[in-house]
Amino acid sequence: MNISIRKRLLFSLLSLITVASVFTLTKNYFDTREEIQELLDAELAESARVLLEISAHELYEQIAYEAQRESGGVSEHINTHIHKYQQEIDFQIWTANGRLAVRSEYAPTDILIDKDEVFGDRMVNGERWRVYSVSDEHKTIRVQVGHPYAARDSLSSSISIRLITSFGIILPLMAVLIFVTVGHAMQPLKNIARQIENRRFDNLQPVDTAHVPFEALPMVNALNSLFKRLQNAFDEIVLFTSNAAHELRTPLAAQKVHAQLAMQARDDKTRNEALKEVVNSIDRATHMVEQLLTLSRLDPEGSLCSGKNANLCHVAEEQMSEIGITALAKNIDLSLEAPKDCLVQGEPVMIGILIRNLVENAIRYTPAGGTVTVTITEEHRHRHLIVEDSGPGIPETEYEKVFKRFYRVNEGNNEGTGLGLAMVQRIIEIHRAAIQFGKSRYGGLKVDVCFAQAQTA
């Protein structure tokens, strides 16, 4: 299932923002309630002190007046009018003899709190109240104030609901903004996709990276690198196909000529010689096709499997035993000089193809009665496969050219296909080995292939 990056970012960012906001809102909710409680306590204390200052003078006069009256005088009820954002504060004013002189409408008739300048909680008519008390310096007047917790909680809840409501409005708006912003940020990638989609199949030019975002640049560079490799591969295929068609045309034409000669022959000897040439031409074409198929399997980019080893000596022995018949037919002295075991990093099948092609080339270009020697040596962390012959050798100026497909040093020699060393080079590249040409001890060509030592567990 393909997940949209846009939706993934939207979900991820909204999830993170929601979690962070819920945490922040929760903390702010409790912090706000605590601050409101502190603020209301301060308001409660301030109201008590204001009442104390305002009522002190009037209460002294009232106390003197009440002293002249009969005992059991009646307290006055004072109604307070508050703003909708204010808290209604109920109060009591007591005299020194413990008499309630004045109280607000909803204040109880009994004392609210025993201690002065201390906040406290108490139940009044079934409600929980927050109360506070303060007296003058002579302890002749005592003002006590309070209000229900329900009013305080209502104010806190109102403020908290406003915070939560604002978040509920902002979150969808943020979702829309994130969706639009991410979509705008993804626009360069959409442009790249359209640019590639509208291309012809044979257009492997690199994608323009001028306006590609930094984060997408590695992907586009990798894509351009792939285009370059594909272009090289297609060029190789075109060249390979054209060269193969050209090279196969020659043996096919020769087969046709020899077949026509066999049909026109008037005696058995001429016919048999023509048919023999047809068979030889077919053998050469078959050999070329086999090499083409082998080379095509080596063409795709590949790398050697790590940890895979091959016994170079055993592989060489197997190949030499198969090629020995060809050397014997030309009376060529074919020999192998190698230790008992020699492990290298590599694929045995590919190394076998490499050895067979090098030895076959040496036999092919060595005159009858000559010498071909295969030597395997060990040197520090490297292993060397050396093939020497007594043939004509290769000029130093031709060393780089012999690896080209269908290239032959001696164009007059129709035995070769010009593909053997191309396969050798590809196998060497896969194994990260090295190859050198030189002059052999027999005066012919010396080929030295250097492999890495086998990996041990």
Protein backbone atom coordinates (compact mmCIF):
# COMPACT_ATOMS: atom_id res chain seq x y z
CA MET A 1 0.00 0.00 0.00
CA ASN A 2 1.43 3.36 -1.09
CA ILE A 3 1.07 5.99 1.64
CA SER A 4 0.96 9.64 0.62
CA ILE A 5 3.82 11.69 2.06
CA ARG A 6 1.42 14.61 2.24
CA LYS A 7 -1.07 12.66 4.35
CA ARG A 8 1.70 11.13 6.43
CA LEU A 9 3.13 14.57 7.24
CA LEU A 10 -0.36 15.91 7.95
CA PHE A 11 -1.13 13.06 10.33
CA SER A 12 2.29 13.19 12.00
CA LEU A 13 2.35 16.97 12.47
CA LEU A 14 -1.25 17.12 13.68
CA SER A 15 -0.61 14.26 16.10
CA LEU A 16 2.46 15.99 17.52
CA ILE A 17 0.68 19.35 17.71
CA THR A 18 -2.37 17.74 19.33
CA VAL A 19 -0.29 15.91 21.95
CA ALA A 20 1.75 19.05 22.69
CA SER A 21 -1.39 21.20 22.81
CA VAL A 22 -3.26 18.79 25.10
CA PHE A 23 -0.29 18.75 27.45
CA THR A 24 -0.04 22.55 27.31
CA LEU A 25 -3.78 23.03 27.75
CA THR A 26 -3.87 20.64 30.70
CA LYS A 27 -0.98 22.42 32.38
CA ASN A 28 -2.46 25.83 31.59
CA TYR A 29 -5.85 24.72 32.88
CA PHE A 30 -4.51 23.80 36.32
CA ASP A 31 -2.10 26.75 36.37
CA THR A 32 -4.95 29.11 35.45
CA ARG A 33 -7.22 27.70 38.14
CA GLU A 34 -4.46 28.09 40.70
CA GLU A 35 -3.72 31.64 39.62
CA ILE A 36 -7.42 32.54 39.68
CA GLN A 37 -7.70 31.14 43.18
CA GLU A 38 -4.70 33.22 44.23
CA LEU A 39 -6.16 36.29 42.55
CA LEU A 40 -9.54 35.81 44.21
CA ASP A 41 -7.88 35.27 47.57
CA ALA A 42 -6.06 38.55 47.09
CA GLU A 43 -9.34 40.21 46.14
CA LEU A 44 -10.97 38.71 49.22
CA ALA A 45 -8.22 40.03 51.51
CA GLU A 46 -8.22 43.43 49.84
CA SER A 47 -12.00 43.69 50.19
CA ALA A 48 -11.75 42.89 53.91
CA ARG A 49 -9.16 45.61 54.46
CA VAL A 50 -11.16 48.15 52.47
CA LEU A 51 -14.28 47.33 54.49
CA LEU A 52 -12.28 47.63 57.70
CA GLU A 53 -10.96 51.09 56.77
CA ILE A 54 -14.30 52.41 55.52
CA SER A 55 -16.47 51.11 58.31
CA ALA A 56 -14.19 51.78 61.29
CA HIS A 57 -15.33 55.40 61.91
CA GLU A 58 -19.02 54.69 61.31
CA LEU A 59 -18.97 51.62 63.52
CA TYR A 60 -17.39 53.54 66.43
CA GLU A 61 -20.31 55.96 66.33
CA GLN A 62 -22.79 53.10 65.98
CA ILE A 63 -21.25 51.28 68.93
CA ALA A 64 -21.65 54.41 71.09
CA TYR A 65 -25.24 54.79 69.97
CA GLU A 66 -26.06 51.15 70.56
CA ALA A 67 -24.60 51.38 74.07
CA GLN A 68 -27.40 53.84 74.91
CA ARG A 69 -30.06 51.49 73.55
CA GLU A 70 -31.39 48.40 75.09
CA SER A 71 -29.41 45.25 74.59
CA GLY A 72 -30.29 42.93 71.68
CA GLY A 73 -30.08 45.55 68.93
CA VAL A 74 -30.74 44.31 65.29
CA SER A 75 -27.94 44.03 62.68
CA GLU A 76 -28.43 45.69 59.32
CA HIS A 77 -28.59 43.72 56.06
CA ILE A 78 -26.57 45.26 53.21
CA ASN A 79 -27.29 44.19 49.65
CA THR A 80 -24.32 44.21 47.23
CA HIS A 81 -24.59 44.69 43.47
CA ILE A 82 -21.83 43.10 41.43
CA HIS A 83 -20.70 43.21 37.78
CA LYS A 84 -20.94 39.98 35.82
CA TYR A 85 -17.15 39.61 35.87
CA GLN A 86 -16.88 40.44 39.56
CA GLN A 87 -17.17 38.03 42.42
CA GLU A 88 -19.87 38.69 45.03
CA ILE A 89 -18.19 39.01 48.39
CA ASP A 90 -20.24 38.51 51.53
CA PHE A 91 -19.00 40.07 54.72
CA GLN A 92 -19.52 40.40 58.49
CA ILE A 93 -18.38 43.22 60.79
CA TRP A 94 -18.00 42.27 64.42
CA THR A 95 -17.42 44.48 67.46
CA ALA A 96 -15.05 43.78 70.31
CA ASN A 97 -17.77 42.30 72.53
CA GLY A 98 -18.51 39.64 69.92
CA ARG A 99 -21.58 41.35 68.58
CA LEU A 100 -22.39 41.16 64.82
CA ALA A 101 -22.82 44.79 63.84
CA VAL A 102 -23.23 44.53 60.05
CA ARG A 103 -23.42 41.71 57.55
CA SER A 104 -24.20 41.30 53.86
CA GLU A 105 -27.40 39.73 52.63
CA TYR A 106 -26.12 36.17 52.28
CA ALA A 107 -23.54 36.17 55.05
CA PRO A 108 -24.33 33.82 57.95
CA THR A 109 -24.96 35.13 61.48
CA ASP A 110 -22.27 33.06 63.11
CA ILE A 111 -18.57 33.75 62.89
CA LEU A 112 -16.90 32.68 59.63
CA ILE A 113 -13.35 32.01 60.87
CA ASP A 114 -11.60 32.09 64.26
CA LYS A 115 -8.21 33.42 63.19
CA ASP A 116 -7.31 36.72 61.60
CA GLU A 117 -5.31 37.16 58.40
CA VAL A 118 -5.59 33.49 57.54
CA PHE A 119 -7.54 32.03 54.60
CA GLY A 120 -9.84 29.17 55.42
CA ASP A 121 -12.63 26.97 54.10
CA ARG A 122 -15.97 26.30 55.77
CA MET A 123 -19.46 25.13 54.95
CA VAL A 124 -22.23 27.77 54.83
CA ASN A 125 -25.79 26.62 54.19
CA GLY A 126 -24.51 23.45 52.54
CA GLU A 127 -22.01 25.28 50.34
CA ARG A 128 -18.24 25.37 50.60
CA TRP A 129 -16.95 28.89 51.16
CA ARG A 130 -13.57 30.56 51.06
CA VAL A 131 -13.27 32.93 54.07
CA TYR A 132 -10.85 35.51 55.43
CA SER A 133 -10.75 37.69 58.61
CA VAL A 134 -8.93 40.89 59.60
CA SER A 135 -9.11 43.16 62.71
CA ASP A 136 -7.94 46.65 63.50
CA GLU A 137 -4.91 47.18 65.68
CA HIS A 138 -6.99 47.59 68.86
CA LYS A 139 -9.06 44.46 68.16
CA THR A 140 -12.26 46.51 68.51
CA ILE A 141 -13.53 45.80 64.98
CA ARG A 142 -13.26 42.54 63.09
CA VAL A 143 -14.17 42.21 59.41
CA GLN A 144 -14.75 38.77 57.93
CA VAL A 145 -15.39 38.16 54.23
CA GLY A 146 -16.11 35.16 52.10
CA HIS A 147 -17.74 33.84 48.97
CA PRO A 148 -18.78 30.39 47.68
CA TYR A 149 -16.34 28.17 45.84
CA ALA A 150 -19.04 27.61 43.21
CA ALA A 151 -18.60 31.18 41.96
CA ARG A 152 -14.82 30.81 41.88
CA ASP A 153 -15.06 27.49 40.01
CA SER A 154 -17.52 28.97 37.55
CA LEU A 155 -15.03 31.71 36.66
CA SER A 156 -12.15 29.20 36.30
CA SER A 157 -14.27 26.89 34.13
CA SER A 158 -15.36 29.80 31.93
CA ILE A 159 -11.76 30.80 31.26
CA SER A 160 -10.69 27.17 30.66
CA ILE A 161 -13.56 26.56 28.24
CA ARG A 162 -12.49 29.63 26.28
CA LEU A 163 -8.96 28.17 26.00
CA ILE A 164 -10.24 24.78 24.86
CA THR A 165 -12.70 26.35 22.43
CA SER A 166 -9.96 28.43 20.83
CA PHE A 167 -7.84 25.28 20.41
CA GLY A 168 -10.79 23.47 18.81
CA ILE A 169 -11.02 26.28 16.27
CA ILE A 170 -7.28 26.54 15.64
CA LEU A 171 -6.65 22.78 15.13
CA PRO A 172 -8.82 22.39 11.96
CA LEU A 173 -7.36 25.64 10.64
CA MET A 174 -3.84 24.29 11.23
CA ALA A 175 -4.78 21.05 9.46
CA VAL A 176 -5.85 23.00 6.38
CA LEU A 177 -2.72 25.18 6.48
CA ILE A 178 -0.42 22.15 6.88
CA PHE A 179 -2.18 20.32 4.05
CA VAL A 180 -1.85 23.30 1.71
CA THR A 181 1.74 24.09 2.76
CA VAL A 182 2.94 20.49 2.39
CA GLY A 183 1.20 20.28 -0.98
CA HIS A 184 3.01 23.42 -2.10
CA ALA A 185 6.32 22.03 -0.81
CA MET A 186 5.72 18.78 -2.73
CA GLN A 187 5.10 20.64 -5.99
CA PRO A 188 8.74 20.34 -7.22
CA LEU A 189 8.51 16.55 -6.87
CA LYS A 190 5.28 16.55 -8.88
CA ASN A 191 7.02 18.62 -11.55
CA ILE A 192 9.84 16.06 -11.70
CA ALA A 193 7.31 13.23 -11.97
CA ARG A 194 5.50 14.99 -14.84
CA GLN A 195 8.81 15.72 -16.55
CA ILE A 196 9.79 12.04 -16.45
CA GLU A 197 6.30 10.81 -17.32
CA ASN A 198 6.12 12.94 -20.47
CA ARG A 199 9.49 11.74 -21.75
CA ARG A 200 9.98 9.43 -24.69
CA PHE A 201 11.20 5.97 -23.82
CA ASP A 202 14.58 6.65 -25.41
CA ASN A 203 15.15 9.98 -23.63
CA LEU A 204 17.65 9.21 -20.85
CA GLN A 205 18.97 12.72 -20.39
CA PRO A 206 19.50 13.72 -16.72
CA VAL A 207 16.71 15.51 -14.85
CA ASP A 208 17.29 19.22 -14.29
CA THR A 209 18.22 19.76 -10.61
CA ALA A 210 18.07 23.57 -10.63
CA HIS A 211 14.85 23.84 -8.61
CA VAL A 212 14.91 20.49 -6.82
CA PRO A 213 14.56 20.73 -3.00
CA PHE A 214 17.65 19.84 -1.00
CA GLU A 215 15.94 16.81 0.60
CA ALA A 216 14.98 15.37 -2.81
CA LEU A 217 18.36 16.05 -4.43
CA PRO A 218 19.93 12.65 -3.48
CA MET A 219 16.97 10.83 -5.06
CA VAL A 220 17.16 12.88 -8.26
CA ASN A 221 20.95 12.45 -8.44
CA ALA A 222 20.51 8.69 -8.02
CA LEU A 223 17.88 8.75 -10.77
CA ASN A 224 20.22 10.68 -13.06
CA SER A 225 22.97 8.18 -12.30
CA LEU A 226 20.59 5.37 -13.25
CA PHE A 227 19.72 7.16 -16.51
CA LYS A 228 23.41 7.46 -17.30
CA ARG A 229 24.01 3.76 -16.66
CA LEU A 230 20.97 2.84 -18.75
CA GLN A 231 22.20 5.07 -21.58
CA ASN A 232 25.60 3.38 -21.46
CA ALA A 233 23.94 -0.03 -21.38
CA PHE A 234 21.72 0.83 -24.36
CA ASP A 235 24.72 2.16 -26.27
CA GLU A 236 26.56 -1.07 -25.51
CA ILE A 237 23.58 -3.14 -26.66
CA VAL A 238 23.31 -1.21 -29.92
CA LEU A 239 27.04 -1.52 -30.56
CA PHE A 240 27.07 -5.15 -29.47
CA THR A 241 24.11 -6.02 -31.71
CA SER A 242 25.55 -4.29 -34.74
CA ASN A 243 28.97 -5.88 -34.24
CA ALA A 244 27.46 -9.31 -33.61
CA ALA A 245 25.36 -9.05 -36.77
CA HIS A 246 28.46 -8.04 -38.73
CA GLU A 247 30.60 -10.84 -37.30
CA LEU A 248 27.94 -13.53 -37.77
CA ARG A 249 27.39 -12.44 -41.39
CA THR A 250 30.90 -13.61 -42.31
CA PRO A 251 30.61 -17.27 -41.20
CA LEU A 252 27.08 -17.47 -42.61
CA ALA A 253 28.30 -16.15 -45.97
CA ALA A 254 31.19 -18.61 -45.89
CA GLN A 255 28.80 -21.49 -45.13
CA LYS A 256 26.66 -20.48 -48.08
CA VAL A 257 29.65 -20.34 -50.44
CA HIS A 258 30.98 -23.72 -49.32
CA ALA A 259 27.51 -25.25 -49.52
CA GLN A 260 27.13 -23.95 -53.09
CA LEU A 261 30.55 -25.40 -53.97
CA ALA A 262 29.51 -28.75 -52.54
CA MET A 263 26.34 -28.70 -54.64
CA GLN A 264 28.33 -27.88 -57.81
CA ALA A 265 31.16 -30.33 -57.12
CA ARG A 266 31.60 -33.06 -59.77
CA ASP A 267 33.73 -35.40 -57.69
CA ASP A 268 33.52 -36.67 -54.13
CA LYS A 269 36.85 -35.20 -53.02
CA THR A 270 35.86 -31.64 -53.91
CA ARG A 271 32.41 -32.14 -52.38
CA ASN A 272 33.84 -33.52 -49.12
CA GLU A 273 36.33 -30.68 -48.82
CA ALA A 274 33.54 -28.13 -49.34
CA LEU A 275 31.32 -29.89 -46.78
CA LYS A 276 34.24 -30.01 -44.35
CA GLU A 277 34.58 -26.23 -44.68
CA VAL A 278 30.83 -25.91 -44.06
CA VAL A 279 31.22 -27.88 -40.82
CA ASN A 280 34.21 -25.79 -39.77
CA SER A 281 32.31 -22.60 -40.48
CA ILE A 282 29.34 -23.87 -38.47
CA ASP A 283 31.68 -24.73 -35.59
CA ARG A 284 33.10 -21.20 -35.63
CA ALA A 285 29.62 -19.67 -35.71
CA THR A 286 28.49 -21.94 -32.87
CA HIS A 287 31.51 -20.97 -30.81
CA MET A 288 30.81 -17.29 -31.46
CA VAL A 289 27.15 -17.67 -30.42
CA GLU A 290 28.18 -19.45 -27.23
CA GLN A 291 30.59 -16.67 -26.38
CA LEU A 292 27.96 -14.04 -27.16
CA LEU A 293 25.53 -15.75 -24.79
CA THR A 294 28.17 -16.00 -22.07
CA LEU A 295 29.10 -12.34 -22.48
CA SER A 296 25.44 -11.28 -22.36
CA ARG A 297 25.07 -13.00 -18.98
CA LEU A 298 28.05 -11.05 -17.68
CA ASP A 299 26.86 -7.70 -19.02
CA PRO A 300 24.26 -6.80 -16.35
CA GLU A 301 25.78 -4.89 -13.50
CA GLY A 302 26.67 -7.30 -10.78
CA SER A 303 28.92 -7.61 -7.82
CA LEU A 304 30.68 -10.54 -6.32
CA CYS A 305 28.88 -12.15 -3.40
CA SER A 306 30.84 -11.35 -0.27
CA GLY A 307 32.42 -14.32 1.46
CA LYS A 308 32.42 -16.53 -1.67
CA ASN A 309 35.74 -18.22 -2.37
CA ALA A 310 37.17 -20.42 -5.13
CA ASN A 311 40.12 -22.79 -5.23
CA LEU A 312 42.12 -21.36 -8.12
CA CYS A 313 44.25 -24.50 -8.48
CA HIS A 314 41.28 -26.88 -8.72
CA VAL A 315 39.46 -24.66 -11.23
CA ALA A 316 42.61 -24.41 -13.37
CA GLU A 317 43.08 -28.21 -13.30
CA GLU A 318 39.50 -28.78 -14.46
CA GLN A 319 39.81 -26.33 -17.35
CA MET A 320 43.23 -27.62 -18.41
CA SER A 321 41.94 -31.19 -18.59
CA GLU A 322 39.18 -30.11 -20.98
CA ILE A 323 41.43 -27.92 -23.13
CA GLY A 324 44.22 -30.50 -23.26
CA ILE A 325 42.69 -32.22 -26.31
CA THR A 326 42.93 -28.97 -28.32
CA ALA A 327 46.59 -28.52 -27.30
CA LEU A 328 47.35 -32.16 -28.14
CA ALA A 329 45.85 -31.73 -31.62
CA LYS A 330 48.37 -28.92 -32.31
CA ASN A 331 51.22 -30.74 -30.59
CA ILE A 332 51.50 -27.94 -28.03
CA ASP A 333 53.16 -28.58 -24.68
CA LEU A 334 50.47 -27.49 -22.18
CA SER A 335 51.47 -27.53 -18.48
CA LEU A 336 50.25 -26.27 -15.09
CA GLU A 337 52.60 -25.11 -12.33
CA ALA A 338 50.63 -24.57 -9.12
CA PRO A 339 50.57 -25.40 -5.41
CA LYS A 340 48.09 -27.92 -4.04
CA ASP A 341 45.51 -25.33 -2.92
CA CYS A 342 45.14 -21.62 -3.59
CA LEU A 343 41.95 -19.92 -2.39
CA VAL A 344 40.83 -16.60 -3.86
CA GLN A 345 37.75 -14.41 -3.52
CA GLY A 346 35.57 -15.29 -6.45
CA GLU A 347 32.95 -17.33 -8.25
CA PRO A 348 34.38 -20.66 -9.49
CA VAL A 349 32.26 -20.73 -12.67
CA MET A 350 33.33 -17.22 -13.74
CA ILE A 351 36.98 -17.91 -12.93
CA GLY A 352 36.70 -21.08 -15.03
CA ILE A 353 35.46 -19.04 -18.01
CA LEU A 354 38.37 -16.63 -17.52
CA ILE A 355 41.00 -19.39 -17.43
CA ARG A 356 39.49 -21.21 -20.42
CA ASN A 357 39.47 -18.10 -22.60
CA LEU A 358 43.05 -17.13 -21.70
CA VAL A 359 44.39 -20.63 -22.35
CA GLU A 360 42.37 -21.09 -25.55
CA ASN A 361 43.71 -17.78 -26.86
CA ALA A 362 47.24 -18.87 -26.04
CA ILE A 363 46.77 -22.20 -27.83
CA ARG A 364 45.04 -20.57 -30.80
CA TYR A 365 47.88 -18.12 -31.48
CA THR A 366 50.77 -20.47 -30.61
CA PRO A 367 52.25 -22.31 -33.61
CA ALA A 368 52.21 -26.11 -33.68
CA GLY A 369 54.91 -27.61 -31.47
CA GLY A 370 54.95 -24.56 -29.21
CA THR A 371 54.53 -24.16 -25.45
CA VAL A 372 51.74 -22.85 -23.20
CA THR A 373 52.27 -22.71 -19.44
CA VAL A 374 49.80 -21.80 -16.67
CA THR A 375 51.42 -20.76 -13.37
CA ILE A 376 49.70 -20.01 -10.04
CA THR A 377 51.69 -18.18 -7.36
CA GLU A 378 50.99 -16.73 -3.91
CA GLU A 379 52.25 -13.29 -2.93
CA HIS A 380 51.31 -11.77 0.44
CA ARG A 381 47.53 -11.12 0.20
CA HIS A 382 47.31 -11.68 -3.55
CA ARG A 383 47.20 -14.72 -5.80
CA HIS A 384 48.51 -14.61 -9.39
CA LEU A 385 47.30 -16.61 -12.40
CA ILE A 386 49.94 -16.36 -15.15
CA VAL A 387 49.42 -17.69 -18.71
CA GLU A 388 52.50 -17.71 -21.01
CA ASP A 389 52.86 -18.92 -24.59
CA SER A 390 55.46 -19.08 -27.32
CA GLY A 391 53.28 -17.37 -29.92
CA PRO A 392 53.84 -14.05 -31.69
CA GLY A 393 52.68 -12.00 -28.70
CA ILE A 394 50.88 -8.65 -28.78
CA PRO A 395 52.51 -5.24 -29.41
CA GLU A 396 52.35 -2.92 -26.40
CA THR A 397 50.29 -0.45 -28.42
CA GLU A 398 47.56 -3.08 -28.73
CA TYR A 399 47.26 -3.90 -25.01
CA GLU A 400 44.30 -1.58 -24.40
CA LYS A 401 42.52 -2.47 -27.65
CA VAL A 402 42.35 -6.24 -27.15
CA PHE A 403 39.57 -5.86 -24.58
CA LYS A 404 37.19 -4.39 -27.14
CA ARG A 405 34.51 -6.76 -28.38
CA PHE A 406 35.21 -8.40 -31.76
CA TYR A 407 38.68 -6.88 -31.87
CA ARG A 408 41.38 -9.22 -33.14
CA VAL A 409 45.10 -8.45 -33.30
CA ASN A 410 45.56 -10.59 -36.39
CA GLU A 411 42.54 -9.93 -38.60
CA GLY A 412 43.74 -12.61 -41.00
CA ASN A 413 43.23 -15.29 -38.37
CA ASN A 414 39.59 -16.33 -38.67
CA GLU A 415 39.70 -18.74 -35.74
CA GLY A 416 39.04 -16.13 -33.07
CA THR A 417 35.83 -14.21 -32.44
CA GLY A 418 37.27 -11.20 -30.63
CA LEU A 419 35.03 -11.86 -27.61
CA GLY A 420 37.28 -13.91 -25.34
CA LEU A 421 39.23 -11.05 -23.77
CA ALA A 422 36.05 -8.93 -23.50
CA MET A 423 34.61 -11.66 -21.27
CA VAL A 424 37.89 -11.85 -19.35
CA GLN A 425 37.80 -8.12 -18.67
CA ARG A 426 34.17 -8.27 -17.44
CA ILE A 427 34.97 -11.13 -15.06
CA ILE A 428 38.00 -9.22 -13.77
CA GLU A 429 35.81 -6.16 -13.12
CA ILE A 430 33.27 -8.23 -11.20
CA HIS A 431 36.01 -9.80 -9.05
CA ARG A 432 37.85 -6.49 -8.60
CA ALA A 433 40.96 -8.21 -9.88
CA ALA A 434 43.76 -6.79 -12.07
CA ILE A 435 45.30 -7.91 -15.37
CA GLN A 436 48.67 -7.10 -16.96
CA PHE A 437 50.24 -8.01 -20.30
CA GLY A 438 53.92 -8.59 -20.90
CA LYS A 439 56.47 -10.69 -22.70
CA SER A 440 56.66 -14.36 -21.69
CA ARG A 441 59.81 -16.34 -21.01
CA TYR A 442 59.14 -18.17 -24.29
CA GLY A 443 59.08 -14.97 -26.31
CA GLY A 444 55.31 -14.81 -26.70
CA LEU A 445 52.55 -13.18 -24.61
CA LYS A 446 52.37 -13.21 -20.83
CA VAL A 447 49.02 -12.54 -19.11
CA ASP A 448 49.10 -11.96 -15.33
CA VAL A 449 45.77 -11.87 -13.45
CA CYS A 450 45.94 -10.85 -9.80
CA PHE A 451 43.12 -11.98 -7.41
CA ALA A 452 42.51 -11.03 -3.80
CA GLN A 453 43.24 -13.60 -1.11
CA ALA A 454 40.24 -15.62 0.07
CA GLN A 455 38.29 -14.31 3.04
CA THR A 456 38.50 -16.45 6.15
CA ALA A 457 35.83 -16.73 8.84
